[in-house]
């Protein structure tokens, strides 16, 4: 399994992309998932060749397409991100499925999100890039059923899924069952954990992006409520994903999680049930 670290893990650090590349190479990561705001500030250039010199790649550019904005704005933002993804050699762009959860979105709102995702998927396909929508609360991908309905409504082969295991569990679905249903559409994985269901609020965007936000409850990948040792054994050997760490001590937690992840996926024997701590 190819594993990347995320530049968003260092959103409150004073650290350069060169330092992150040396850190990633030194600890055995396969790549660096680039946050959209970081890509925009780094600007265009021959970044893919530069990063390849470290034995690394950018597997995904993660941003948030403005699906509710005027069509011209969406088209321009998608084109901008496609150019940046090309600069880094990234094969996919990550976005969210709107800004409303499936329980509150109207039929018209669902249709609008589907139509805009279809347009963006087509635009990126013309650039040789895949569009992936993340399983995430507060969006139309907050449950497996809603996401499958959305994929059917979009009906475009270039729209894929970024399977965030924790958020699938947060939405009330069993991650193993959800993974089985979504597997034909899954293109990437986000891997993170939490101490308990009572701590899920630490992943709310307002808290995550705040420099003084709460970090208690965020745990290493193999220390929280989800049994990742079992889940990882169910993934195909060619799977790609990122350790999406939002907590403190990024320079120590990430290498530890990567080492344990490599150990857990070394043999892929068995496929135990994923469970959540009660």
Protein backbone atom coordinates (compact mmCIF):
# COMPACT_ATOMS: atom_id res chain seq x y z
CA UNK A 1 0.00 0.00 0.00
CA UNK A 2 1.34 3.43 -0.95
CA UNK A 3 1.04 5.95 1.89
CA UNK A 4 1.47 9.71 1.85
CA UNK A 5 1.56 12.34 4.55
CA UNK A 6 -0.62 15.45 4.26
CA UNK A 7 0.68 19.01 4.20
CA UNK A 8 -2.46 19.97 6.15
CA UNK A 9 -0.91 18.16 9.12
CA UNK A 10 1.64 21.00 9.19
CA UNK A 11 -0.84 23.85 8.66
CA UNK A 12 0.31 25.58 11.88
CA UNK A 13 4.02 24.82 11.48
CA UNK A 14 6.73 27.09 10.10
CA UNK A 15 8.14 24.47 7.73
CA UNK A 16 9.07 24.48 4.03
CA UNK A 17 8.02 22.00 1.36
CA UNK A 18 11.69 21.02 1.09
CA UNK A 19 11.80 20.13 4.78
CA UNK A 20 8.61 18.08 4.42
CA UNK A 21 10.05 16.25 1.41
CA UNK A 22 13.21 15.35 3.33
CA UNK A 23 11.12 14.25 6.32
CA UNK A 24 8.81 12.13 4.15
CA UNK A 25 11.70 10.48 2.31
CA UNK A 26 13.63 9.84 5.51
CA UNK A 27 10.73 8.01 7.15
CA UNK A 28 9.61 5.94 4.19
CA UNK A 29 6.51 7.76 2.96
CA UNK A 30 5.63 7.31 -0.70
CA UNK A 31 4.30 10.79 -1.29
CA UNK A 32 2.88 14.08 -0.05
CA UNK A 33 -0.81 14.91 -0.30
CA UNK A 34 -0.91 18.61 -1.05
CA UNK A 35 -3.54 20.90 0.46
CA UNK A 36 -4.99 23.27 -2.12
CA UNK A 37 -4.07 26.47 -0.27
CA UNK A 38 -0.47 25.26 -0.03
CA UNK A 39 -0.40 24.44 -3.75
CA UNK A 40 -1.70 27.91 -4.62
CA UNK A 41 0.89 29.63 -2.45
CA UNK A 42 3.72 27.53 -3.90
CA UNK A 43 2.51 28.43 -7.39
CA UNK A 44 3.10 26.68 -10.72
CA UNK A 45 6.41 25.16 -11.72
CA UNK A 46 8.21 21.90 -12.44
CA UNK A 47 7.37 20.56 -8.99
CA UNK A 48 6.78 16.95 -10.03
CA UNK A 49 10.35 16.53 -11.29
CA UNK A 50 11.73 18.20 -8.17
CA UNK A 51 9.73 15.94 -5.85
CA UNK A 52 10.60 12.84 -7.85
CA UNK A 53 14.25 13.49 -6.99
CA UNK A 54 13.27 12.61 -3.42
CA UNK A 55 11.54 9.43 -4.59
CA UNK A 56 8.17 11.02 -3.82
CA UNK A 57 5.01 12.02 -5.67
CA UNK A 58 1.81 13.98 -4.97
CA UNK A 59 -0.99 11.38 -5.13
CA UNK A 60 -3.76 13.92 -4.56
CA UNK A 61 -4.42 17.65 -4.46
CA UNK A 62 -7.06 18.27 -1.77
CA UNK A 63 -9.32 21.28 -2.11
CA UNK A 64 -12.97 22.34 -1.97
CA UNK A 65 -14.65 23.13 -5.27
CA UNK A 66 -17.20 25.99 -4.92
CA UNK A 67 -20.18 24.01 -6.19
CA UNK A 68 -22.65 26.73 -5.13
CA UNK A 69 -20.74 29.55 -6.83
CA UNK A 70 -21.61 30.97 -10.27
CA UNK A 71 -20.74 28.53 -13.03
CA UNK A 72 -17.90 30.72 -14.31
CA UNK A 73 -16.30 30.76 -10.86
CA UNK A 74 -16.50 26.97 -10.56
CA UNK A 75 -15.03 26.48 -14.03
CA UNK A 76 -12.17 28.88 -13.31
CA UNK A 77 -11.36 27.31 -9.95
CA UNK A 78 -11.42 23.82 -11.44
CA UNK A 79 -9.08 24.94 -14.23
CA UNK A 80 -6.73 26.57 -11.72
CA UNK A 81 -6.56 23.42 -9.61
CA UNK A 82 -6.04 21.30 -12.71
CA UNK A 83 -3.03 23.44 -13.62
CA UNK A 84 -1.61 23.11 -10.12
CA UNK A 85 -2.22 19.36 -10.08
CA UNK A 86 -0.39 19.14 -13.38
CA UNK A 87 2.57 21.05 -11.94
CA UNK A 88 2.89 18.43 -9.21
CA UNK A 89 1.98 15.42 -11.33
CA UNK A 90 -1.05 14.70 -9.12
CA UNK A 91 -3.54 12.30 -10.78
CA UNK A 92 -6.58 13.27 -8.70
CA UNK A 93 -8.33 16.23 -7.09
CA UNK A 94 -10.32 15.85 -3.86
CA UNK A 95 -13.45 17.84 -3.06
CA UNK A 96 -16.56 17.69 -0.86
CA UNK A 97 -20.10 16.90 -2.01
CA UNK A 98 -21.63 20.26 -1.23
CA UNK A 99 -22.14 21.99 2.09
CA UNK A 100 -25.35 20.36 3.34
CA UNK A 101 -25.89 16.96 4.90
CA UNK A 102 -28.10 14.39 3.25
CA UNK A 103 -30.79 14.73 5.93
CA UNK A 104 -31.32 18.46 5.28
CA UNK A 105 -30.60 18.88 1.56
CA UNK A 106 -33.66 19.27 -0.68
CA UNK A 107 -34.15 17.36 -3.91
CA UNK A 108 -33.27 20.49 -5.89
CA UNK A 109 -30.09 20.99 -3.86
CA UNK A 110 -29.06 17.39 -4.40
CA UNK A 111 -29.67 17.75 -8.14
CA UNK A 112 -27.62 20.95 -8.22
CA UNK A 113 -24.63 19.32 -6.48
CA UNK A 114 -24.83 16.31 -8.80
CA UNK A 115 -24.96 18.53 -11.88
CA UNK A 116 -21.97 20.61 -10.76
CA UNK A 117 -19.92 17.52 -9.85
CA UNK A 118 -20.70 16.04 -13.27
CA UNK A 119 -19.42 19.19 -14.95
CA UNK A 120 -16.24 19.30 -12.85
CA UNK A 121 -15.59 15.59 -13.40
CA UNK A 122 -15.88 16.10 -17.15
CA UNK A 123 -13.65 19.17 -17.11
CA UNK A 124 -10.95 17.31 -15.17
CA UNK A 125 -11.27 14.23 -17.36
CA UNK A 126 -10.26 16.42 -20.30
CA UNK A 127 -7.07 17.21 -18.36
CA UNK A 128 -6.37 13.58 -17.51
CA UNK A 129 -7.29 14.07 -13.84
CA UNK A 130 -9.76 12.19 -11.64
CA UNK A 131 -12.22 13.92 -9.29
CA UNK A 132 -12.74 12.23 -5.94
CA UNK A 133 -15.45 13.12 -3.46
CA UNK A 134 -14.75 12.48 0.21
CA UNK A 135 -17.00 10.66 2.66
CA UNK A 136 -17.58 13.52 5.08
CA UNK A 137 -20.24 14.80 7.53
CA UNK A 138 -22.27 17.82 6.50
CA UNK A 139 -22.17 16.82 2.82
CA UNK A 140 -24.14 14.54 0.50
CA UNK A 141 -21.46 11.92 1.14
CA UNK A 142 -22.22 11.66 4.85
CA UNK A 143 -23.76 8.17 4.58
CA UNK A 144 -23.12 5.28 2.25
CA UNK A 145 -26.68 5.30 0.91
CA UNK A 146 -26.58 9.02 0.15
CA UNK A 147 -23.20 8.74 -1.54
CA UNK A 148 -24.33 5.86 -3.73
CA UNK A 149 -27.41 7.88 -4.74
CA UNK A 150 -25.14 10.82 -5.57
CA UNK A 151 -22.82 8.67 -7.69
CA UNK A 152 -25.83 7.37 -9.59
CA UNK A 153 -27.12 10.92 -10.11
CA UNK A 154 -23.77 12.22 -11.33
CA UNK A 155 -23.34 9.20 -13.59
CA UNK A 156 -19.80 10.06 -14.70
CA UNK A 157 -16.95 7.52 -14.69
CA UNK A 158 -14.44 10.19 -13.69
CA UNK A 159 -16.08 10.81 -10.30
CA UNK A 160 -14.54 8.53 -7.67
CA UNK A 161 -14.52 8.24 -3.87
CA UNK A 162 -12.01 9.21 -1.22
CA UNK A 163 -12.93 6.73 1.54
CA UNK A 164 -12.39 8.34 4.94
CA UNK A 165 -12.89 5.42 7.32
CA UNK A 166 -13.45 7.52 10.41
CA UNK A 167 -16.09 9.71 8.76
CA UNK A 168 -17.92 6.64 7.46
CA UNK A 169 -18.14 5.38 11.03
CA UNK A 170 -19.11 8.87 12.22
CA UNK A 171 -22.04 8.82 9.78
CA UNK A 172 -23.40 5.66 11.41
CA UNK A 173 -22.32 3.06 8.86
CA UNK A 174 -20.15 0.02 9.51
CA UNK A 175 -16.89 0.76 7.66
CA UNK A 176 -16.40 -2.82 6.43
CA UNK A 177 -19.93 -3.05 5.04
CA UNK A 178 -19.64 0.44 3.53
CA UNK A 179 -16.29 -0.40 2.02
CA UNK A 180 -17.72 -3.48 0.35
CA UNK A 181 -20.58 -1.48 -1.18
CA UNK A 182 -18.40 1.40 -2.33
CA UNK A 183 -15.34 -0.59 -3.41
CA UNK A 184 -16.01 -0.26 -7.18
CA UNK A 185 -15.86 3.53 -6.76
CA UNK A 186 -13.03 3.94 -4.23
CA UNK A 187 -9.90 5.63 -5.56
CA UNK A 188 -8.15 6.78 -2.38
CA UNK A 189 -8.21 6.50 1.43
CA UNK A 190 -7.88 8.90 4.34
CA UNK A 191 -6.76 7.21 7.54
CA UNK A 192 -7.18 8.74 10.99
CA UNK A 193 -8.61 7.74 14.37
CA UNK A 194 -10.29 9.17 17.45
CA UNK A 195 -10.39 8.24 21.11
CA UNK A 196 -14.16 7.78 21.23
CA UNK A 197 -17.36 8.84 19.51
CA UNK A 198 -17.74 11.57 22.15
CA UNK A 199 -14.57 13.20 20.76
CA UNK A 200 -15.67 13.46 17.11
CA UNK A 201 -16.20 17.21 17.43
CA UNK A 202 -12.41 17.66 17.33
CA UNK A 203 -12.63 17.05 13.57
CA UNK A 204 -15.11 19.85 12.91
CA UNK A 205 -13.48 22.22 10.40
CA UNK A 206 -13.65 25.28 12.64
CA UNK A 207 -11.70 23.40 15.31
CA UNK A 208 -9.25 21.74 12.92
CA UNK A 209 -8.26 25.00 11.22
CA UNK A 210 -7.96 27.01 14.45
CA UNK A 211 -4.39 27.24 15.69
CA UNK A 212 -5.69 27.16 19.26
CA UNK A 213 -8.26 24.44 18.57
CA UNK A 214 -8.75 21.40 20.76
CA UNK A 215 -6.58 18.41 19.92
CA UNK A 216 -7.48 16.10 22.83
CA UNK A 217 -9.24 13.02 21.51
CA UNK A 218 -7.14 12.75 18.35
CA UNK A 219 -5.11 9.56 18.58
CA UNK A 220 -2.57 7.58 16.67
CA UNK A 221 -4.02 5.32 13.99
CA UNK A 222 -3.86 2.16 16.09
CA UNK A 223 -4.85 3.65 19.45
CA UNK A 224 -8.43 4.81 18.94
CA UNK A 225 -11.99 3.61 18.55
CA UNK A 226 -11.54 1.97 15.14
CA UNK A 227 -9.63 -1.28 14.68
CA UNK A 228 -7.42 -0.32 11.75
CA UNK A 229 -5.33 -3.47 12.02
CA UNK A 230 -8.39 -5.41 10.87
CA UNK A 231 -9.60 -2.87 8.32
CA UNK A 232 -6.27 -2.53 6.54
CA UNK A 233 -6.13 -6.26 5.89
CA UNK A 234 -9.22 -5.94 3.70
CA UNK A 235 -7.67 -3.42 1.31
CA UNK A 236 -6.20 -4.37 -2.06
CA UNK A 237 -2.38 -4.34 -2.23
CA UNK A 238 -2.45 -1.51 -4.78
CA UNK A 239 -4.48 0.79 -2.51
CA UNK A 240 -3.28 4.36 -1.98
CA UNK A 241 -4.00 6.60 0.98
CA UNK A 242 -2.81 9.27 3.37
CA UNK A 243 -2.29 9.44 7.09
CA UNK A 244 -4.47 12.45 7.84
CA UNK A 245 -3.16 13.65 11.18
CA UNK A 246 -4.55 16.87 12.69
CA UNK A 247 -3.09 16.63 16.19
CA UNK A 248 0.09 17.73 17.90
CA UNK A 249 3.59 16.27 17.50
CA UNK A 250 3.26 15.59 13.75
CA UNK A 251 6.97 14.83 13.38
CA UNK A 252 6.75 11.96 15.88
CA UNK A 253 3.20 10.62 15.45
CA UNK A 254 3.34 10.22 11.67
CA UNK A 255 6.49 8.04 11.50
CA UNK A 256 5.14 5.85 14.31
CA UNK A 257 1.81 5.40 12.55
CA UNK A 258 3.53 4.65 9.25
CA UNK A 259 5.74 1.99 10.83
CA UNK A 260 2.76 0.31 12.46
CA UNK A 261 0.74 0.57 9.25
CA UNK A 262 3.51 -1.09 7.26
CA UNK A 263 3.63 -3.89 9.81
CA UNK A 264 -0.15 -4.35 9.72
CA UNK A 265 -0.27 -4.62 5.93
CA UNK A 266 2.85 -6.72 5.45
CA UNK A 267 1.03 -10.05 5.10
CA UNK A 268 -2.63 -9.15 4.70
CA UNK A 269 -3.68 -12.40 6.28
CA UNK A 270 -7.34 -12.62 7.21
CA UNK A 271 -10.00 -9.96 7.24
CA UNK A 272 -11.20 -9.46 10.75
CA UNK A 273 -14.23 -7.35 11.55
CA UNK A 274 -13.80 -3.64 12.08
CA UNK A 275 -15.24 -2.64 15.40
CA UNK A 276 -15.80 0.51 17.31
CA UNK A 277 -15.05 0.74 20.99
CA UNK A 278 -18.24 1.08 22.95
